Structures are given as C-alpha cells and as structure tokens.
Amino acid sequence: MSAAIDIIVPEGVGEDADDEIVLAAWYFEDGEAVSAEADICQLMVSKVSFDVMAPAAGRLRHVAAVEDIVTTGQVIARIEPA
C-alpha cells in the first residue's frame, strides 16, 4: 500500500510578507475520490486566485478549511491511496 501524499501551499504564492493566502474553495468534498492533476482547491492572494492540483489519484482528505489563512509550505490536504 502506498503512503498518503501531502498537498502543500506551493512556493511563489503570496510572495510578499504582507500577502495573506486564504483557502477560498474546495472543489471536492472530504473523502471524495480525485484523479491525478485534477484541480482540488482554490487559494486567494490579493484578489488573485490560484488552483492547486492533485499530484496523484486517490481519496482527498482536507486538512485546512475554507476561509483558513494558510502559509507557503503548509499542508492543506492529503491524498490517500484508493
């Protein structure tokens, strides 16, 4: 069985120290199956949005909630093997 894969806030999002990164939306429910490279959530920074893709197929597990303020490198979700 494969290990779960952490999904983190990517580098380059919120480059300024003042930038607040907000998890704006989940595109899949917690526990829902996702395919590799599917857009799974939306991050907002200074009124600009960024989509985060699933690095692999599996079951999505939310770690952060909508409207949470997150930071670069923070784990926001996990992909568990299906």
PDB file of N, CA and C in Angstrom:
ATOM      1  N   MET A   1       0.848  -1.182   0.000  1.00  0.00           N
ATOM      2  CA  MET A   1       0.000   0.000   0.000  1.00  0.00           C
ATOM      3  C   MET A   1       0.889   1.239   0.000  1.00  0.00           C
ATOM      4  N   SER A   2       0.548   2.216  -0.801  1.00  0.00           N
ATOM      5  CA  SER A   2       1.304   3.459  -0.880  1.00  0.00           C
ATOM      6  C   SER A   2       0.984   4.349   0.310  1.00  0.00           C
ATOM      7  N   ALA A   3       1.907   5.241   0.579  1.00  0.00           N
ATOM      8  CA  ALA A   3       1.698   6.206   1.667  1.00  0.00           C
ATOM      9  C   ALA A   3       0.863   7.370   1.161  1.00  0.00           C
ATOM     10  N   ALA A   4       0.238   8.077   2.083  1.00  0.00           N
ATOM     11  CA  ALA A   4      -0.514   9.284   1.738  1.00  0.00           C
ATOM     12  C   ALA A   4       0.458  10.354   1.240  1.00  0.00           C
ATOM     13  N   ILE A   5      -0.031  11.223   0.367  1.00  0.00           N
ATOM     14  CA  ILE A   5       0.768  12.313  -0.180  1.00  0.00           C
ATOM     15  C   ILE A   5       0.236  13.626   0.367  1.00  0.00           C
ATOM     16  N   ASP A   6       1.100  14.411   0.998  1.00  0.00           N
ATOM     17  CA  ASP A   6       0.697  15.727   1.498  1.00  0.00           C
ATOM     18  C   ASP A   6       0.613  16.720   0.352  1.00  0.00           C
ATOM     19  N   ILE A   7      -0.398  17.559   0.393  1.00  0.00           N
ATOM     20  CA  ILE A   7      -0.537  18.649  -0.562  1.00  0.00           C
ATOM     21  C   ILE A   7      -0.288  19.931   0.211  1.00  0.00           C
ATOM     22  N   ILE A   8       0.684  20.710  -0.271  1.00  0.00           N
ATOM     23  CA  ILE A   8       1.090  21.922   0.449  1.00  0.00           C
ATOM     24  C   ILE A   8       0.789  23.154  -0.388  1.00  0.00           C
ATOM     25  N   VAL A   9       0.777  24.298   0.280  1.00  0.00           N
ATOM     26  CA  VAL A   9       0.664  25.584  -0.417  1.00  0.00           C
ATOM     27  C   VAL A   9       1.976  25.772  -1.171  1.00  0.00           C
ATOM     28  N   PRO A  10       1.912  25.905  -2.512  1.00  0.00           N
ATOM     29  CA  PRO A  10       3.148  25.962  -3.297  1.00  0.00           C
ATOM     30  C   PRO A  10       3.959  27.233  -3.095  1.00  0.00           C
ATOM     31  N   GLU A  11       5.267  27.112  -3.345  1.00  0.00           N
ATOM     32  CA  GLU A  11       6.160  28.276  -3.333  1.00  0.00           C
ATOM     33  C   GLU A  11       5.680  29.262  -4.393  1.00  0.00           C
ATOM     34  N   GLY A  12       5.906  30.537  -4.181  1.00  0.00           N
ATOM     35  CA  GLY A  12       5.541  31.547  -5.161  1.00  0.00           C
ATOM     36  C   GLY A  12       4.151  32.114  -4.963  1.00  0.00           C
ATOM     37  N   VAL A  13       3.331  31.463  -4.137  1.00  0.00           N
ATOM     38  CA  VAL A  13       2.007  32.005  -3.810  1.00  0.00           C
ATOM     39  C   VAL A  13       2.192  32.881  -2.587  1.00  0.00           C
ATOM     40  N   GLY A  14       1.796  34.134  -2.677  1.00  0.00           N
ATOM     41  CA  GLY A  14       1.983  35.046  -1.557  1.00  0.00           C
ATOM     42  C   GLY A  14       3.432  35.401  -1.351  1.00  0.00           C
ATOM     43  N   GLU A  15       4.065  35.923  -2.384  1.00  0.00           N
ATOM     44  CA  GLU A  15       5.499  36.212  -2.332  1.00  0.00           C
ATOM     45  C   GLU A  15       5.856  37.334  -1.358  1.00  0.00           C
ATOM     46  N   ASP A  16       4.971  38.316  -1.180  1.00  0.00           N
ATOM     47  CA  ASP A  16       5.242  39.399  -0.235  1.00  0.00           C
ATOM     48  C   ASP A  16       4.894  38.950   1.176  1.00  0.00           C
ATOM     49  N   ALA A  17       5.666  39.415   2.127  1.00  0.00           N
ATOM     50  CA  ALA A  17       5.432  39.046   3.534  1.00  0.00           C
ATOM     51  C   ALA A  17       4.042  39.492   3.992  1.00  0.00           C
ATOM     52  N   ASP A  18       3.507  40.570   3.379  1.00  0.00           N
ATOM     53  CA  ASP A  18       2.188  41.090   3.762  1.00  0.00           C
ATOM     54  C   ASP A  18       1.041  40.282   3.160  1.00  0.00           C
ATOM     55  N   ASP A  19       1.327  39.480   2.139  1.00  0.00           N
ATOM     56  CA  ASP A  19       0.273  38.748   1.451  1.00  0.00           C
ATOM     57  C   ASP A  19      -0.365  37.719   2.366  1.00  0.00           C
ATOM     58  N   GLU A  20      -1.691  37.755   2.402  1.00  0.00           N
ATOM     59  CA  GLU A  20      -2.458  36.778   3.170  1.00  0.00           C
ATOM     60  C   GLU A  20      -3.002  35.762   2.169  1.00  0.00           C
ATOM     61  N   ILE A  21      -2.700  34.498   2.383  1.00  0.00           N
ATOM     62  CA  ILE A  21      -3.171  33.432   1.497  1.00  0.00           C
ATOM     63  C   ILE A  21      -4.391  32.794   2.171  1.00  0.00           C
ATOM     64  N   VAL A  22      -5.502  32.759   1.454  1.00  0.00           N
ATOM     65  CA  VAL A  22      -6.740  32.217   2.006  1.00  0.00           C
ATOM     66  C   VAL A  22      -7.181  31.025   1.165  1.00  0.00           C
ATOM     67  N   LEU A  23      -7.539  29.936   1.824  1.00  0.00           N
ATOM     68  CA  LEU A  23      -8.124  28.806   1.119  1.00  0.00           C
ATOM     69  C   LEU A  23      -9.559  29.211   0.805  1.00  0.00           C
ATOM     70  N   ALA A  24      -9.828  29.495  -0.475  1.00  0.00           N
ATOM     71  CA  ALA A  24     -11.119  30.068  -0.873  1.00  0.00           C
ATOM     72  C   ALA A  24     -12.189  29.017  -1.134  1.00  0.00           C
ATOM     73  N   ALA A  25     -11.803  27.855  -1.676  1.00  0.00           N
ATOM     74  CA  ALA A  25     -12.811  26.845  -2.017  1.00  0.00           C
ATOM     75  C   ALA A  25     -12.166  25.480  -2.197  1.00  0.00           C
ATOM     76  N   TRP A  26     -12.918  24.462  -1.822  1.00  0.00           N
ATOM     77  CA  TRP A  26     -12.581  23.079  -2.154  1.00  0.00           C
ATOM     78  C   TRP A  26     -13.450  22.697  -3.333  1.00  0.00           C
ATOM     79  N   TYR A  27     -12.889  22.046  -4.340  1.00  0.00           N
ATOM     80  CA  TYR A  27     -13.647  21.584  -5.495  1.00  0.00           C
ATOM     81  C   TYR A  27     -14.168  20.160  -5.297  1.00  0.00           C
ATOM     82  N   PHE A  28     -13.641  19.455  -4.286  1.00  0.00           N
ATOM     83  CA  PHE A  28     -14.077  18.101  -3.952  1.00  0.00           C
ATOM     84  C   PHE A  28     -14.349  18.047  -2.450  1.00  0.00           C
ATOM     85  N   GLU A  29     -15.307  17.230  -2.073  1.00  0.00           N
ATOM     86  CA  GLU A  29     -15.633  17.040  -0.664  1.00  0.00           C
ATOM     87  C   GLU A  29     -14.548  16.192   0.012  1.00  0.00           C
ATOM     88  N   ASP A  30     -14.445  16.328   1.334  1.00  0.00           N
ATOM     89  CA  ASP A  30     -13.532  15.498   2.109  1.00  0.00           C
ATOM     90  C   ASP A  30     -13.918  14.035   1.921  1.00  0.00           C
ATOM     91  N   GLY A  31     -12.936  13.198   1.568  1.00  0.00           N
ATOM     92  CA  GLY A  31     -13.184  11.773   1.372  1.00  0.00           C
ATOM     93  C   GLY A  31     -13.551  11.396  -0.048  1.00  0.00           C
ATOM     94  N   GLU A  32     -13.743  12.388  -0.912  1.00  0.00           N
ATOM     95  CA  GLU A  32     -14.110  12.118  -2.304  1.00  0.00           C
ATOM     96  C   GLU A  32     -12.883  11.669  -3.106  1.00  0.00           C
ATOM     97  N   ALA A  33     -13.098  10.786  -4.069  1.00  0.00           N
ATOM     98  CA  ALA A  33     -12.021  10.323  -4.935  1.00  0.00           C
ATOM     99  C   ALA A  33     -11.658  11.422  -5.933  1.00  0.00           C
ATOM    100  N   VAL A  34     -10.359  11.594  -6.178  1.00  0.00           N
ATOM    101  CA  VAL A  34      -9.875  12.557  -7.162  1.00  0.00           C
ATOM    102  C   VAL A  34      -8.900  11.857  -8.107  1.00  0.00           C
ATOM    103  N   SER A  35      -8.773  12.408  -9.293  1.00  0.00           N
ATOM    104  CA  SER A  35      -7.810  11.866 -10.246  1.00  0.00           C
ATOM    105  C   SER A  35      -6.555  12.727 -10.228  1.00  0.00           C
ATOM    106  N   ALA A  36      -5.457  12.169 -10.709  1.00  0.00           N
ATOM    107  CA  ALA A  36      -4.195  12.906 -10.777  1.00  0.00           C
ATOM    108  C   ALA A  36      -4.386  14.144 -11.647  1.00  0.00           C
ATOM    109  N   GLU A  37      -3.829  15.245 -11.213  1.00  0.00           N
ATOM    110  CA  GLU A  37      -3.832  16.530 -11.894  1.00  0.00           C
ATOM    111  C   GLU A  37      -5.189  17.225 -11.919  1.00  0.00           C
ATOM    112  N   ALA A  38      -6.161  16.729 -11.150  1.00  0.00           N
ATOM    113  CA  ALA A  38      -7.440  17.434 -11.019  1.00  0.00           C
ATOM    114  C   ALA A  38      -7.227  18.655 -10.128  1.00  0.00           C
ATOM    115  N   ASP A  39      -7.850  19.778 -10.466  1.00  0.00           N
ATOM    116  CA  ASP A  39      -7.822  20.941  -9.588  1.00  0.00           C
ATOM    117  C   ASP A  39      -8.658  20.596  -8.361  1.00  0.00           C
ATOM    118  N   ILE A  40      -8.049  20.725  -7.168  1.00  0.00           N
ATOM    119  CA  ILE A  40      -8.765  20.311  -5.956  1.00  0.00           C
ATOM    120  C   ILE A  40      -9.217  21.469  -5.075  1.00  0.00           C
ATOM    121  N   CYS A  41      -8.512  22.613  -5.171  1.00  0.00           N
ATOM    122  CA  CYS A  41      -8.926  23.747  -4.345  1.00  0.00           C
ATOM    123  C   CYS A  41      -8.456  25.052  -4.967  1.00  0.00           C
ATOM    124  N   GLN A  42      -8.971  26.144  -4.417  1.00  0.00           N
ATOM    125  CA  GLN A  42      -8.609  27.480  -4.883  1.00  0.00           C
ATOM    126  C   GLN A  42      -8.016  28.258  -3.714  1.00  0.00           C
ATOM    127  N   LEU A  43      -6.865  28.885  -3.952  1.00  0.00           N
ATOM    128  CA  LEU A  43      -6.238  29.785  -2.984  1.00  0.00           C
ATOM    129  C   LEU A  43      -6.386  31.213  -3.500  1.00  0.00           C
ATOM    130  N   MET A  44      -6.616  32.154  -2.615  1.00  0.00           N
ATOM    131  CA  MET A  44      -6.734  33.571  -2.985  1.00  0.00           C
ATOM    132  C   MET A  44      -5.627  34.365  -2.298  1.00  0.00           C
ATOM    133  N   VAL A  45      -4.978  35.222  -3.099  1.00  0.00           N
ATOM    134  CA  VAL A  45      -3.942  36.120  -2.592  1.00  0.00           C
ATOM    135  C   VAL A  45      -4.154  37.466  -3.258  1.00  0.00           C
ATOM    136  N   SER A  46      -4.380  38.496  -2.489  1.00  0.00           N
ATOM    137  CA  SER A  46      -4.555  39.845  -3.034  1.00  0.00           C
ATOM    138  C   SER A  46      -5.514  39.853  -4.219  1.00  0.00           C
ATOM    139  N   LYS A  47      -6.658  39.214  -4.059  1.00  0.00           N
ATOM    140  CA  LYS A  47      -7.723  39.168  -5.068  1.00  0.00           C
ATOM    141  C   LYS A  47      -7.329  38.424  -6.341  1.00  0.00           C
ATOM    142  N   VAL A  48      -6.268  37.635  -6.290  1.00  0.00           N
ATOM    143  CA  VAL A  48      -5.854  36.776  -7.396  1.00  0.00           C
ATOM    144  C   VAL A  48      -6.025  35.339  -6.925  1.00  0.00           C
ATOM    145  N   SER A  49      -6.595  34.491  -7.785  1.00  0.00           N
ATOM    146  CA  SER A  49      -6.806  33.109  -7.369  1.00  0.00           C
ATOM    147  C   SER A  49      -5.822  32.165  -8.042  1.00  0.00           C
ATOM    148  N   PHE A  50      -5.511  31.087  -7.342  1.00  0.00           N
ATOM    149  CA  PHE A  50      -4.616  30.034  -7.810  1.00  0.00           C
ATOM    150  C   PHE A  50      -5.291  28.705  -7.541  1.00  0.00           C
ATOM    151  N   ASP A  51      -5.278  27.806  -8.514  1.00  0.00           N
ATOM    152  CA  ASP A  51      -5.788  26.457  -8.296  1.00  0.00           C
ATOM    153  C   ASP A  51      -4.632  25.544  -7.920  1.00  0.00           C
ATOM    154  N   VAL A  52      -4.898  24.584  -7.055  1.00  0.00           N
ATOM    155  CA  VAL A  52      -3.913  23.586  -6.643  1.00  0.00           C
ATOM    156  C   VAL A  52      -4.376  22.244  -7.204  1.00  0.00           C
ATOM    157  N   MET A  53      -3.454  21.528  -7.864  1.00  0.00           N
ATOM    158  CA  MET A  53      -3.784  20.245  -8.482  1.00  0.00           C
ATOM    159  C   MET A  53      -3.377  19.071  -7.593  1.00  0.00           C
ATOM    160  N   ALA A  54      -4.105  17.989  -7.740  1.00  0.00           N
ATOM    161  CA  ALA A  54      -3.753  16.737  -7.066  1.00  0.00           C
ATOM    162  C   ALA A  54      -2.535  16.138  -7.751  1.00  0.00           C
ATOM    163  N   PRO A  55      -1.503  15.762  -7.001  1.00  0.00           N
ATOM    164  CA  PRO A  55      -0.318  15.169  -7.602  1.00  0.00           C
ATOM    165  C   PRO A  55      -0.507  13.700  -7.989  1.00  0.00           C
ATOM    166  N   ALA A  56      -1.571  13.084  -7.486  1.00  0.00           N
ATOM    167  CA  ALA A  56      -1.832  11.667  -7.752  1.00  0.00           C
ATOM    168  C   ALA A  56      -3.316  11.393  -7.549  1.00  0.00           C
ATOM    169  N   ALA A  57      -3.766  10.265  -8.036  1.00  0.00           N
ATOM    170  CA  ALA A  57      -5.147   9.846  -7.813  1.00  0.00           C
ATOM    171  C   ALA A  57      -5.268   9.240  -6.417  1.00  0.00           C
ATOM    172  N   GLY A  58      -6.442   9.333  -5.842  1.00  0.00           N
ATOM    173  CA  GLY A  58      -6.703   8.757  -4.530  1.00  0.00           C
ATOM    174  C   GLY A  58      -7.876   9.439  -3.871  1.00  0.00           C
ATOM    175  N   ARG A  59      -7.961   9.289  -2.566  1.00  0.00           N
ATOM    176  CA  ARG A  59      -9.054   9.885  -1.799  1.00  0.00           C
ATOM    177  C   ARG A  59      -8.544  11.160  -1.133  1.00  0.00           C
ATOM    178  N   LEU A  60      -9.247  12.273  -1.370  1.00  0.00           N
ATOM    179  CA  LEU A  60      -8.850  13.574  -0.832  1.00  0.00           C
ATOM    180  C   LEU A  60      -9.278  13.706   0.630  1.00  0.00           C
ATOM    181  N   ARG A  61      -8.352  14.150   1.458  1.00  0.00           N
ATOM    182  CA  ARG A  61      -8.645  14.438   2.874  1.00  0.00           C
ATOM    183  C   ARG A  61      -8.251  15.876   3.156  1.00  0.00           C
ATOM    184  N   HIS A  62      -9.225  16.694   3.543  1.00  0.00           N
ATOM    185  CA  HIS A  62      -8.962  18.101   3.862  1.00  0.00           C
ATOM    186  C   HIS A  62      -8.205  18.201   5.184  1.00  0.00           C
ATOM    187  N   VAL A  63      -7.204  19.059   5.222  1.00  0.00           N
ATOM    188  CA  VAL A  63      -6.500  19.377   6.458  1.00  0.00           C
ATOM    189  C   VAL A  63      -6.856  20.798   6.873  1.00  0.00           C
ATOM    190  N   ALA A  64      -7.001  21.692   5.902  1.00  0.00           N
ATOM    191  CA  ALA A  64      -7.399  23.083   6.161  1.00  0.00           C
ATOM    192  C   ALA A  64      -8.847  23.273   5.701  1.00  0.00           C
ATOM    193  N   ALA A  65      -9.501  24.265   6.268  1.00  0.00           N
ATOM    194  CA  ALA A  65     -10.903  24.549   5.942  1.00  0.00           C
ATOM    195  C   ALA A  65     -11.015  25.800   5.079  1.00  0.00           C
ATOM    196  N   VAL A  66     -12.137  25.914   4.372  1.00  0.00           N
ATOM    197  CA  VAL A  66     -12.420  27.117   3.594  1.00  0.00           C
ATOM    198  C   VAL A  66     -12.356  28.322   4.528  1.00  0.00           C
ATOM    199  N   GLU A  67     -11.736  29.378   4.052  1.00  0.00           N
ATOM    200  CA  GLU A  67     -11.520  30.646   4.748  1.00  0.00           C
ATOM    201  C   GLU A  67     -10.357  30.607   5.732  1.00  0.00           C
ATOM    202  N   ASP A  68      -9.674  29.461   5.866  1.00  0.00           N
ATOM    203  CA  ASP A  68      -8.464  29.423   6.688  1.00  0.00           C
ATOM    204  C   ASP A  68      -7.381  30.260   6.014  1.00  0.00           C
ATOM    205  N   ILE A  69      -6.590  30.950   6.822  1.00  0.00           N
ATOM    206  CA  ILE A  69      -5.401  31.639   6.330  1.00  0.00           C
ATOM    207  C   ILE A  69      -4.272  30.627   6.404  1.00  0.00           C
ATOM    208  N   VAL A  70      -3.597  30.418   5.272  1.00  0.00           N
ATOM    209  CA  VAL A  70      -2.544  29.405   5.186  1.00  0.00           C
ATOM    210  C   VAL A  70      -1.231  30.062   4.775  1.00  0.00           C
ATOM    211  N   THR A  71      -0.142  29.321   4.888  1.00  0.00           N
ATOM    212  CA  THR A  71       1.175  29.850   4.551  1.00  0.00           C
ATOM    213  C   THR A  71       1.877  28.934   3.559  1.00  0.00           C
ATOM    214  N   THR A  72       2.825  29.481   2.830  1.00  0.00           N
ATOM    215  CA  THR A  72       3.605  28.704   1.878  1.00  0.00           C
ATOM    216  C   THR A  72       4.241  27.512   2.594  1.00  0.00           C
ATOM    217  N   GLY A  73       4.103  26.337   2.009  1.00  0.00           N
ATOM    218  CA  GLY A  73       4.662  25.126   2.603  1.00  0.00           C
ATOM    219  C   GLY A  73       3.750  24.417   3.582  1.00  0.00           C
ATOM    220  N   GLN A  74       2.640  25.035   3.941  1.00  0.00           N
ATOM    221  CA  GLN A  74       1.707  24.422   4.896  1.00  0.00           C
ATOM    222  C   GLN A  74       0.923  23.297   4.218  1.00  0.00           C
ATOM    223  N   VAL A  75       0.720  22.197   4.932  1.00  0.00           N
ATOM    224  CA  VAL A  75      -0.099  21.099   4.430  1.00  0.00           C
ATOM    225  C   VAL A  75      -1.567  21.521   4.506  1.00  0.00           C
ATOM    226  N   ILE A  76      -2.263  21.436   3.358  1.00  0.00           N
ATOM    227  CA  ILE A  76      -3.676  21.804   3.321  1.00  0.00           C
ATOM    228  C   ILE A  76      -4.580  20.597   3.057  1.00  0.00           C
ATOM    229  N   ALA A  77      -3.983  19.505   2.555  1.00  0.00           N
ATOM    230  CA  ALA A  77      -4.756  18.306   2.261  1.00  0.00           C
ATOM    231  C   ALA A  77      -3.808  17.118   2.134  1.00  0.00           C
ATOM    232  N   ARG A  78      -4.412  15.930   2.056  1.00  0.00           N
ATOM    233  CA  ARG A  78      -3.668  14.700   1.807  1.00  0.00           C
ATOM    234  C   ARG A  78      -4.425  13.886   0.772  1.00  0.00           C
ATOM    235  N   ILE A  79      -3.677  13.176  -0.043  1.00  0.00           N
ATOM    236  CA  ILE A  79      -4.263  12.205  -0.959  1.00  0.00           C
ATOM    237  C   ILE A  79      -3.919  10.834  -0.400  1.00  0.00           C
ATOM    238  N   GLU A  80      -4.959  10.070  -0.025  1.00  0.00           N
ATOM    239  CA  GLU A  80      -4.754   8.720   0.479  1.00  0.00           C
ATOM    240  C   GLU A  80      -4.963   7.743  -0.659  1.00  0.00           C
ATOM    241  N   PRO A  81      -4.218   6.651  -0.670  1.00  0.00           N
ATOM    242  CA  PRO A  81      -4.402   5.646  -1.712  1.00  0.00           C
ATOM    243  C   PRO A  81      -5.850   5.158  -1.733  1.00  0.00           C
ATOM    244  N   ALA A  82      -6.357   4.923  -2.911  1.00  0.00           N
ATOM    245  CA  ALA A  82      -7.759   4.469  -3.030  1.00  0.00           C
ATOM    246  C   ALA A  82      -7.884   2.987  -2.719  1.00  0.00           C
TER     247      ALA A  82
END
